[in-house]
């Protein structure tokens, strides 16, 4: 197939009602829709554009899913948000960094743990360059991110399944509106919503799958062992950096695909995977060659 250049332009912000210019992507013509999913981006905009080019991403035809954590750590949070908001079929879930960011947009008060050691300062500095109207539009966009996404044969969460949920229970969670913002100021204010945050943080399902597969890493042992989810769906997660291997972890027994290959640390590549074929593409970070 002959490549053609498609210039992806524009994001209609509800408040600002302004168009934004985005860079050209090298794409390949295809009439078939594909379902692609991207790992934790962490504001590494240049890597995102590069890996989508490698995957021949066609925004007019393809759906792009995300396991969350769009911002922090990287150097281009505004460019990352504007690009993703411009896509006609972008379907994310909320990650822990997204929840910190959403909480700040809602309250105007940044969580100290977000600022110190987790990249929040990078995001705050970049936000100073955009208008209040655009911030309002971004906040409304973030409010649409579910904690659990279920579509046909796939399920997506950021961190993992924190306890022995059934497929039906997870579908019920996915169908309900979530609190906005998700992160509360105190346990007293949080009430029954504290458990939803576990989906952003908990690694026990992944570590249980790794342990069952013979993955021998001292720091990857589950605090509590979970059994495989009884489902016909495939669960996609991010959150846990798969280094030094820097490749996706797949467990057929646990119906699990983990695709955070270490972009946030700056030491691993950003991964995009075709959900249906399991083919994947990667864009390297500085010092990494693939």
Protein backbone atom coordinates (compact mmCIF):
# COMPACT_ATOMS: atom_id res chain seq x y z
CA UNK A 1 0.00 0.00 0.00
CA UNK A 2 1.27 3.42 -0.86
CA UNK A 3 1.66 5.75 2.10
CA UNK A 4 -0.07 9.07 2.13
CA UNK A 5 0.22 12.06 4.41
CA UNK A 6 -2.79 13.02 6.48
CA UNK A 7 -2.72 16.25 8.40
CA UNK A 8 -4.66 15.81 11.61
CA UNK A 9 -6.10 19.18 12.53
CA UNK A 10 -8.43 20.61 15.01
CA UNK A 11 -10.03 20.08 18.35
CA UNK A 12 -13.27 21.89 19.00
CA UNK A 13 -13.06 22.86 22.63
CA UNK A 14 -16.56 23.36 24.05
CA UNK A 15 -15.55 26.46 25.99
CA UNK A 16 -12.85 27.98 23.85
CA UNK A 17 -14.32 26.97 20.48
CA UNK A 18 -10.88 27.22 18.93
CA UNK A 19 -9.04 25.14 16.38
CA UNK A 20 -5.58 23.78 17.08
CA UNK A 21 -2.98 22.71 14.55
CA UNK A 22 -1.42 19.28 14.93
CA UNK A 23 1.52 17.66 13.17
CA UNK A 24 1.39 15.45 10.13
CA UNK A 25 1.36 11.69 10.57
CA UNK A 26 2.54 9.15 8.04
CA UNK A 27 -0.45 6.88 7.53
CA UNK A 28 -1.43 4.03 5.26
CA UNK A 29 -4.79 3.91 3.55
CA UNK A 30 -7.09 1.25 4.92
CA UNK A 31 -10.83 0.79 4.74
CA UNK A 32 -10.91 -1.54 7.76
CA UNK A 33 -11.29 -0.13 11.25
CA UNK A 34 -8.68 -1.29 13.74
CA UNK A 35 -8.76 -1.24 17.53
CA UNK A 36 -5.45 -0.02 18.91
CA UNK A 37 -4.49 0.53 22.53
CA UNK A 38 -1.66 2.69 23.86
CA UNK A 39 0.29 2.32 27.10
CA UNK A 40 0.95 5.01 29.72
CA UNK A 41 1.87 8.11 27.67
CA UNK A 42 2.97 10.46 30.48
CA UNK A 43 3.08 13.55 28.24
CA UNK A 44 5.72 12.05 25.92
CA UNK A 45 4.03 13.63 22.93
CA UNK A 46 6.86 13.10 20.44
CA UNK A 47 7.02 9.39 21.28
CA UNK A 48 3.24 9.16 20.91
CA UNK A 49 3.30 10.67 17.43
CA UNK A 50 6.21 8.44 16.47
CA UNK A 51 4.64 5.19 17.64
CA UNK A 52 1.30 6.01 16.02
CA UNK A 53 3.19 6.59 12.78
CA UNK A 54 4.85 3.19 13.13
CA UNK A 55 1.43 1.61 13.67
CA UNK A 56 0.06 3.40 10.57
CA UNK A 57 -2.65 4.90 12.76
CA UNK A 58 -5.55 6.34 10.79
CA UNK A 59 -7.60 8.66 13.02
CA UNK A 60 -10.43 8.70 10.50
CA UNK A 61 -10.91 4.92 10.74
CA UNK A 62 -9.15 3.50 13.80
CA UNK A 63 -10.21 3.52 17.46
CA UNK A 64 -7.46 4.38 19.92
CA UNK A 65 -7.93 3.09 23.47
CA UNK A 66 -5.75 4.11 26.41
CA UNK A 67 -4.90 2.46 29.73
CA UNK A 68 -4.61 5.93 31.33
CA UNK A 69 -1.88 8.19 32.71
CA UNK A 70 -1.83 10.66 29.85
CA UNK A 71 0.23 13.32 31.64
CA UNK A 72 3.12 14.08 34.03
CA UNK A 73 6.82 13.23 33.74
CA UNK A 74 7.05 14.10 30.03
CA UNK A 75 7.71 17.56 28.62
CA UNK A 76 4.63 18.18 26.43
CA UNK A 77 1.42 17.75 28.43
CA UNK A 78 -0.54 20.45 26.59
CA UNK A 79 0.37 19.11 23.16
CA UNK A 80 -0.53 15.60 24.31
CA UNK A 81 -3.96 16.62 25.59
CA UNK A 82 -4.81 18.71 22.54
CA UNK A 83 -3.86 15.91 20.18
CA UNK A 84 -5.84 13.25 22.04
CA UNK A 85 -8.88 15.54 22.37
CA UNK A 86 -8.82 16.08 18.61
CA UNK A 87 -9.17 12.38 17.80
CA UNK A 88 -12.66 11.31 16.74
CA UNK A 89 -12.39 7.90 18.45
CA UNK A 90 -10.19 8.10 21.55
CA UNK A 91 -11.39 5.93 24.46
CA UNK A 92 -9.35 6.20 27.67
CA UNK A 93 -9.76 5.06 31.25
CA UNK A 94 -8.75 7.07 34.29
CA UNK A 95 -5.24 6.48 35.63
CA UNK A 96 -3.83 7.58 38.98
CA UNK A 97 -2.01 10.53 37.35
CA UNK A 98 -5.21 11.47 35.55
CA UNK A 99 -7.07 11.40 38.88
CA UNK A 100 -4.51 13.74 40.47
CA UNK A 101 -4.80 16.10 37.49
CA UNK A 102 -8.60 16.00 37.53
CA UNK A 103 -8.61 16.74 41.25
CA UNK A 104 -6.43 19.80 40.67
CA UNK A 105 -8.63 21.05 37.82
CA UNK A 106 -11.70 20.70 40.06
CA UNK A 107 -10.30 22.21 43.27
CA UNK A 108 -7.38 24.39 42.19
CA UNK A 109 -5.32 22.71 44.91
CA UNK A 110 -2.63 20.23 43.81
CA UNK A 111 -2.07 17.07 45.83
CA UNK A 112 1.44 17.30 47.36
CA UNK A 113 2.16 13.68 46.44
CA UNK A 114 1.38 14.52 42.81
CA UNK A 115 3.84 17.42 42.77
CA UNK A 116 6.73 15.70 44.55
CA UNK A 117 8.25 12.84 42.59
CA UNK A 118 5.30 12.16 40.30
CA UNK A 119 5.66 14.78 37.59
CA UNK A 120 2.82 17.09 38.59
CA UNK A 121 5.06 20.17 38.54
CA UNK A 122 5.72 19.64 34.82
CA UNK A 123 2.00 19.61 34.15
CA UNK A 124 1.28 22.68 36.28
CA UNK A 125 4.00 24.71 34.57
CA UNK A 126 2.59 23.83 31.15
CA UNK A 127 -0.97 24.66 32.19
CA UNK A 128 0.04 28.24 32.93
CA UNK A 129 0.18 28.84 29.17
CA UNK A 130 -3.46 27.97 28.41
CA UNK A 131 -6.70 29.85 29.00
CA UNK A 132 -9.25 29.18 31.72
CA UNK A 133 -11.78 28.27 29.04
CA UNK A 134 -9.48 25.57 27.71
CA UNK A 135 -8.89 24.26 31.24
CA UNK A 136 -12.66 24.03 31.70
CA UNK A 137 -12.93 22.06 28.47
CA UNK A 138 -10.16 19.70 29.57
CA UNK A 139 -11.83 19.19 32.94
CA UNK A 140 -15.10 18.27 31.27
CA UNK A 141 -13.26 15.87 28.98
CA UNK A 142 -11.53 14.17 31.92
CA UNK A 143 -14.86 13.77 33.68
CA UNK A 144 -15.90 11.42 30.88
CA UNK A 145 -13.07 8.94 31.62
CA UNK A 146 -14.43 5.77 33.25
CA UNK A 147 -12.55 3.76 35.87
CA UNK A 148 -13.52 0.51 34.15
CA UNK A 149 -14.28 0.32 30.43
CA UNK A 150 -16.06 -2.72 28.99
CA UNK A 151 -16.72 -3.07 25.27
CA UNK A 152 -17.65 -6.38 23.69
CA UNK A 153 -14.65 -8.69 24.15
CA UNK A 154 -12.35 -6.27 26.01
CA UNK A 155 -12.10 -4.72 29.46
CA UNK A 156 -9.70 -1.91 30.35
CA UNK A 157 -8.58 -0.61 33.75
CA UNK A 158 -5.48 1.31 34.69
CA UNK A 159 -3.93 -0.60 37.60
CA UNK A 160 -5.76 -3.89 37.84
CA UNK A 161 -8.58 -5.72 39.56
CA UNK A 162 -8.15 -5.16 43.30
CA UNK A 163 -10.13 -8.18 44.54
CA UNK A 164 -12.15 -11.15 43.35
CA UNK A 165 -14.74 -9.34 41.23
CA UNK A 166 -16.90 -11.22 38.76
CA UNK A 167 -17.26 -10.23 35.14
CA UNK A 168 -20.83 -9.14 35.83
CA UNK A 169 -19.75 -6.95 38.76
CA UNK A 170 -17.10 -5.26 36.65
CA UNK A 171 -19.63 -4.63 33.88
CA UNK A 172 -21.93 -3.05 36.45
CA UNK A 173 -19.15 -0.76 37.68
CA UNK A 174 -18.38 0.22 34.08
CA UNK A 175 -22.02 1.12 33.47
CA UNK A 176 -22.34 3.51 36.43
CA UNK A 177 -21.23 7.16 36.50
CA UNK A 178 -18.23 7.73 38.72
CA UNK A 179 -17.63 10.55 41.21
CA UNK A 180 -15.91 13.63 39.78
CA UNK A 181 -13.28 14.21 40.94
CA UNK A 182 -12.51 10.66 41.98
CA UNK A 183 -9.86 11.55 44.54
CA UNK A 184 -11.42 13.08 47.67
CA UNK A 185 -9.82 15.35 50.22
CA UNK A 186 -10.41 12.95 53.10
CA UNK A 187 -11.63 9.45 53.81
CA UNK A 188 -14.67 10.94 55.50
CA UNK A 189 -15.65 12.77 52.31
CA UNK A 190 -14.87 9.75 50.16
CA UNK A 191 -17.49 7.44 51.68
CA UNK A 192 -18.19 4.41 49.51
CA UNK A 193 -16.04 5.68 46.63
CA UNK A 194 -12.65 4.81 48.14
CA UNK A 195 -12.71 1.38 46.55
CA UNK A 196 -12.88 2.85 43.04
CA UNK A 197 -9.40 4.29 43.49
CA UNK A 198 -8.08 0.76 43.98
CA UNK A 199 -8.61 0.11 40.26
CA UNK A 200 -6.06 2.86 39.56
CA UNK A 201 -3.39 1.57 41.95
CA UNK A 202 -3.72 -2.12 42.76
CA UNK A 203 -1.15 -4.45 41.17
CA UNK A 204 -2.16 -7.76 42.77
CA UNK A 205 -3.97 -9.16 39.73
CA UNK A 206 -0.95 -8.50 37.51
CA UNK A 207 1.48 -9.85 40.10
CA UNK A 208 -0.68 -12.94 40.58
CA UNK A 209 -0.55 -13.55 36.82
CA UNK A 210 3.21 -13.00 36.76
CA UNK A 211 3.71 -15.35 39.70
CA UNK A 212 1.59 -18.06 38.06
CA UNK A 213 3.57 -17.72 34.83
CA UNK A 214 6.90 -18.24 36.58
CA UNK A 215 8.00 -14.61 36.36
CA UNK A 216 10.73 -14.63 39.01
CA UNK A 217 11.18 -11.07 40.18
CA UNK A 218 11.55 -10.33 43.87
CA UNK A 219 9.68 -7.03 43.61
CA UNK A 220 6.77 -8.47 41.65
CA UNK A 221 5.13 -10.70 44.26
CA UNK A 222 1.43 -10.26 45.07
CA UNK A 223 0.47 -9.21 48.57
CA UNK A 224 -2.59 -11.41 48.07
CA UNK A 225 -2.94 -13.97 45.31
CA UNK A 226 -5.95 -13.57 43.06
CA UNK A 227 -7.46 -16.23 40.85
CA UNK A 228 -8.01 -15.67 37.14
CA UNK A 229 -11.12 -13.69 36.29
CA UNK A 230 -13.79 -15.93 34.82
CA UNK A 231 -14.52 -14.09 31.60
CA UNK A 232 -14.38 -14.35 27.84
CA UNK A 233 -12.97 -10.83 27.64
CA UNK A 234 -9.35 -9.74 27.56
CA UNK A 235 -8.30 -7.34 30.31
CA UNK A 236 -5.84 -4.58 29.31
CA UNK A 237 -3.94 -2.67 31.99
CA UNK A 238 -1.09 -0.19 32.41
CA UNK A 239 0.38 1.41 35.56
CA UNK A 240 3.15 -1.13 36.25
CA UNK A 241 6.33 -0.50 34.28
CA UNK A 242 7.49 -3.68 32.57
CA UNK A 243 11.20 -3.06 32.83
CA UNK A 244 13.89 -4.11 32.07
CA UNK A 245 12.11 -6.31 29.51
CA UNK A 246 10.26 -3.30 27.99
CA UNK A 247 7.72 -5.51 26.23
CA UNK A 248 4.07 -6.32 26.93
CA UNK A 249 3.21 -9.06 29.44
CA UNK A 250 0.50 -11.47 28.30
CA UNK A 251 -1.20 -14.17 30.36
CA UNK A 252 -3.84 -16.22 28.56
CA UNK A 253 -4.71 -17.94 31.85
CA UNK A 254 -5.54 -14.60 33.48
CA UNK A 255 -7.02 -13.10 30.27
CA UNK A 256 -4.51 -10.28 30.76
CA UNK A 257 -2.40 -7.95 28.62
CA UNK A 258 -0.20 -5.36 30.39
CA UNK A 259 1.34 -2.68 28.18
CA UNK A 260 3.10 -0.06 30.33
CA UNK A 261 6.61 -0.59 29.02
CA UNK A 262 8.29 2.14 31.04
CA UNK A 263 7.64 5.40 29.19
CA UNK A 264 7.06 7.34 32.40
CA UNK A 265 10.54 6.60 33.70
CA UNK A 266 12.17 7.80 30.49
CA UNK A 267 13.94 4.43 30.31
CA UNK A 268 11.44 2.42 28.30
CA UNK A 269 9.50 2.71 25.04
CA UNK A 270 5.89 3.68 24.46
CA UNK A 271 3.82 0.78 23.16
CA UNK A 272 0.78 0.64 20.89
CA UNK A 273 -0.90 -2.74 20.35
CA UNK A 274 -3.49 -3.98 17.91
CA UNK A 275 -6.13 -5.43 20.22
CA UNK A 276 -7.27 -8.07 17.75
CA UNK A 277 -3.94 -9.33 16.37
CA UNK A 278 -1.67 -8.59 19.40
CA UNK A 279 0.89 -7.05 17.04
CA UNK A 280 2.60 -4.14 18.73
CA UNK A 281 4.82 -1.20 17.86
CA UNK A 282 7.15 0.82 20.06
CA UNK A 283 8.80 4.23 20.00
CA UNK A 284 12.02 4.46 21.92
CA UNK A 285 12.96 6.85 24.66
CA UNK A 286 16.36 8.52 24.69
CA UNK A 287 19.05 5.91 25.07
CA UNK A 288 16.77 3.04 23.96
CA UNK A 289 17.07 1.49 20.52
CA UNK A 290 14.46 -0.97 19.24
